[in-house]
Amino acid sequence: LFRSQARQILAAGSAERLAPLLNENHHLLQQLGVSTPSLDRLACAALQHGALGAKLSGGGGGGNIIALVHSGDAQTVCAALEQNGAARTWITTLQSTPSKFTP
């Protein structure tokens, strides 16, 4: 369900609507025991410093999160992540206008 909702949201060009789904998905992964205290700390730091949404990525138990931020907040969120133990951060952008989205 999350994947299909995310695809629809991105195809419609309304990435901000993805934020609550990211947060909900991270919470569900915590309940499943897939997250770790380190990933939870990073997701929380991202949210506290301007991210709209954040969740772990991959199989969990490792060290990846995705944070959705406005471009003006990206550097602040990256700095907060690094201060909270992130080894590296990357910034990428989503297309801001609706387009055909191919999964």
C-alpha atoms as a PDB file:
ATOM      1  CA  LEU A   1       0.000   0.000   0.000  1.00  0.00           C
ATOM      2  CA  PHE A   2       2.768   2.450   0.919  1.00  0.00           C
ATOM      3  CA  ARG A   3       4.580   1.889  -2.375  1.00  0.00           C
ATOM      4  CA  SER A   4       1.479   2.416  -4.523  1.00  0.00           C
ATOM      5  CA  GLN A   5       0.459   5.543  -2.563  1.00  0.00           C
ATOM      6  CA  ALA A   6       3.993   6.922  -2.849  1.00  0.00           C
ATOM      7  CA  ARG A   7       4.040   6.353  -6.610  1.00  0.00           C
ATOM      8  CA  GLN A   8       0.704   8.124  -7.035  1.00  0.00           C
ATOM      9  CA  ILE A   9       1.843  11.073  -4.942  1.00  0.00           C
ATOM     10  CA  LEU A  10       5.115  11.450  -6.840  1.00  0.00           C
ATOM     11  CA  ALA A  11       3.380  11.069 -10.212  1.00  0.00           C
ATOM     12  CA  ALA A  12       0.993  13.870  -9.216  1.00  0.00           C
ATOM     13  CA  GLY A  13       3.933  16.139  -8.389  1.00  0.00           C
ATOM     14  CA  SER A  14       2.907  16.623  -4.762  1.00  0.00           C
ATOM     15  CA  ALA A  15       5.913  15.259  -2.883  1.00  0.00           C
ATOM     16  CA  GLU A  16       4.954  17.032   0.364  1.00  0.00           C
ATOM     17  CA  ARG A  17       1.996  14.644   0.673  1.00  0.00           C
ATOM     18  CA  LEU A  18       4.578  11.857   0.928  1.00  0.00           C
ATOM     19  CA  ALA A  19       5.854  13.094   4.320  1.00  0.00           C
ATOM     20  CA  PRO A  20       3.116  11.588   6.529  1.00  0.00           C
ATOM     21  CA  LEU A  21       3.512   8.257   4.734  1.00  0.00           C
ATOM     22  CA  LEU A  22       7.254   8.268   5.426  1.00  0.00           C
ATOM     23  CA  ASN A  23       6.666   8.949   9.113  1.00  0.00           C
ATOM     24  CA  GLU A  24       3.927   6.316   9.373  1.00  0.00           C
ATOM     25  CA  ASN A  25       6.059   3.744   7.598  1.00  0.00           C
ATOM     26  CA  HIS A  26       8.999   4.385   9.925  1.00  0.00           C
ATOM     27  CA  HIS A  27       6.722   3.940  12.938  1.00  0.00           C
ATOM     28  CA  LEU A  28       5.429   0.633  11.548  1.00  0.00           C
ATOM     29  CA  LEU A  29       8.992  -0.572  10.924  1.00  0.00           C
ATOM     30  CA  GLN A  30       9.858   0.327  14.529  1.00  0.00           C
ATOM     31  CA  GLN A  31       6.950  -1.805  15.725  1.00  0.00           C
ATOM     32  CA  LEU A  32       8.198  -4.705  13.594  1.00  0.00           C
ATOM     33  CA  GLY A  33      11.601  -4.429  15.257  1.00  0.00           C
ATOM     34  CA  VAL A  34      13.403  -3.610  12.012  1.00  0.00           C
ATOM     35  CA  SER A  35      14.629  -0.181  13.086  1.00  0.00           C
ATOM     36  CA  THR A  36      17.496   0.466  15.464  1.00  0.00           C
ATOM     37  CA  PRO A  37      18.078   3.178  18.080  1.00  0.00           C
ATOM     38  CA  SER A  38      20.621   4.757  15.713  1.00  0.00           C
ATOM     39  CA  LEU A  39      18.141   4.918  12.819  1.00  0.00           C
ATOM     40  CA  ASP A  40      15.431   6.229  15.129  1.00  0.00           C
ATOM     41  CA  ARG A  41      17.801   8.934  16.382  1.00  0.00           C
ATOM     42  CA  LEU A  42      18.634   9.968  12.798  1.00  0.00           C
ATOM     43  CA  ALA A  43      14.987  10.068  11.705  1.00  0.00           C
ATOM     44  CA  CYS A  44      14.100  12.104  14.796  1.00  0.00           C
ATOM     45  CA  ALA A  45      17.000  14.522  14.230  1.00  0.00           C
ATOM     46  CA  ALA A  46      15.916  15.032  10.621  1.00  0.00           C
ATOM     47  CA  LEU A  47      12.357  15.834  11.702  1.00  0.00           C
ATOM     48  CA  GLN A  48      13.490  18.157  14.490  1.00  0.00           C
ATOM     49  CA  HIS A  49      15.626  20.140  12.045  1.00  0.00           C
ATOM     50  CA  GLY A  50      13.125  20.717   9.270  1.00  0.00           C
ATOM     51  CA  ALA A  51      12.454  17.441   7.472  1.00  0.00           C
ATOM     52  CA  LEU A  52       8.843  16.964   6.465  1.00  0.00           C
ATOM     53  CA  GLY A  53       9.130  13.182   6.798  1.00  0.00           C
ATOM     54  CA  ALA A  54      11.773  10.543   7.455  1.00  0.00           C
ATOM     55  CA  LYS A  55      12.038   6.757   7.482  1.00  0.00           C
ATOM     56  CA  LEU A  56      14.586   4.012   7.448  1.00  0.00           C
ATOM     57  CA  SER A  57      15.425   2.556   4.069  1.00  0.00           C
ATOM     58  CA  GLY A  58      16.549  -0.874   3.026  1.00  0.00           C
ATOM     59  CA  GLY A  59      16.296  -3.912   5.259  1.00  0.00           C
ATOM     60  CA  GLY A  60      16.799  -2.040   8.505  1.00  0.00           C
ATOM     61  CA  GLY A  61      19.314  -3.074  11.085  1.00  0.00           C
ATOM     62  CA  GLY A  62      21.819  -1.080   9.058  1.00  0.00           C
ATOM     63  CA  GLY A  63      22.112   2.602   8.649  1.00  0.00           C
ATOM     64  CA  ASN A  64      20.048   4.298   5.959  1.00  0.00           C
ATOM     65  CA  ILE A  65      17.261   6.813   6.293  1.00  0.00           C
ATOM     66  CA  ILE A  66      15.452   8.934   3.734  1.00  0.00           C
ATOM     67  CA  ALA A  67      14.377  12.419   4.749  1.00  0.00           C
ATOM     68  CA  LEU A  68      12.067  14.594   2.682  1.00  0.00           C
ATOM     69  CA  VAL A  69      12.935  18.287   3.048  1.00  0.00           C
ATOM     70  CA  HIS A  70      12.403  21.581   1.297  1.00  0.00           C
ATOM     71  CA  SER A  71      15.559  22.473  -0.613  1.00  0.00           C
ATOM     72  CA  GLY A  72      16.240  25.426   1.698  1.00  0.00           C
ATOM     73  CA  ASP A  73      16.419  23.093   4.706  1.00  0.00           C
ATOM     74  CA  ALA A  74      18.626  20.409   3.153  1.00  0.00           C
ATOM     75  CA  GLN A  75      21.970  21.646   4.509  1.00  0.00           C
ATOM     76  CA  THR A  76      20.528  22.123   8.011  1.00  0.00           C
ATOM     77  CA  VAL A  77      19.100  18.608   8.033  1.00  0.00           C
ATOM     78  CA  CYS A  78      22.376  17.149   6.724  1.00  0.00           C
ATOM     79  CA  ALA A  79      24.323  18.911   9.472  1.00  0.00           C
ATOM     80  CA  ALA A  80      21.894  17.596  12.115  1.00  0.00           C
ATOM     81  CA  LEU A  81      22.227  14.079  10.747  1.00  0.00           C
ATOM     82  CA  GLU A  82      26.012  14.265  10.840  1.00  0.00           C
ATOM     83  CA  GLN A  83      25.905  15.613  14.413  1.00  0.00           C
ATOM     84  CA  ASN A  84      23.759  12.607  15.334  1.00  0.00           C
ATOM     85  CA  GLY A  85      26.054   9.971  13.886  1.00  0.00           C
ATOM     86  CA  ALA A  86      25.412   9.842  10.138  1.00  0.00           C
ATOM     87  CA  ALA A  87      28.595   8.782   8.363  1.00  0.00           C
ATOM     88  CA  ARG A  88      27.530  10.462   5.097  1.00  0.00           C
ATOM     89  CA  THR A  89      24.636  12.427   3.687  1.00  0.00           C
ATOM     90  CA  TRP A  90      23.476  12.983   0.122  1.00  0.00           C
ATOM     91  CA  ILE A  91      21.174  15.624  -1.261  1.00  0.00           C
ATOM     92  CA  THR A  92      19.077  14.924  -4.320  1.00  0.00           C
ATOM     93  CA  THR A  93      16.042  16.664  -5.737  1.00  0.00           C
ATOM     94  CA  LEU A  94      12.640  15.533  -6.894  1.00  0.00           C
ATOM     95  CA  GLN A  95      11.137  16.947 -10.032  1.00  0.00           C
ATOM     96  CA  SER A  96       8.790  19.720  -8.931  1.00  0.00           C
ATOM     97  CA  THR A  97       6.236  19.378 -11.721  1.00  0.00           C
ATOM     98  CA  PRO A  98       3.964  16.443 -12.459  1.00  0.00           C
ATOM     99  CA  SER A  99       5.363  14.001 -14.958  1.00  0.00           C
ATOM    100  CA  LYS A 100       4.911  10.467 -16.074  1.00  0.00           C
ATOM    101  CA  PHE A 101       6.338   8.311 -13.304  1.00  0.00           C
ATOM    102  CA  THR A 102       7.646   4.904 -14.318  1.00  0.00           C
ATOM    103  CA  PRO A 103       8.268   2.551 -11.385  1.00  0.00           C
END
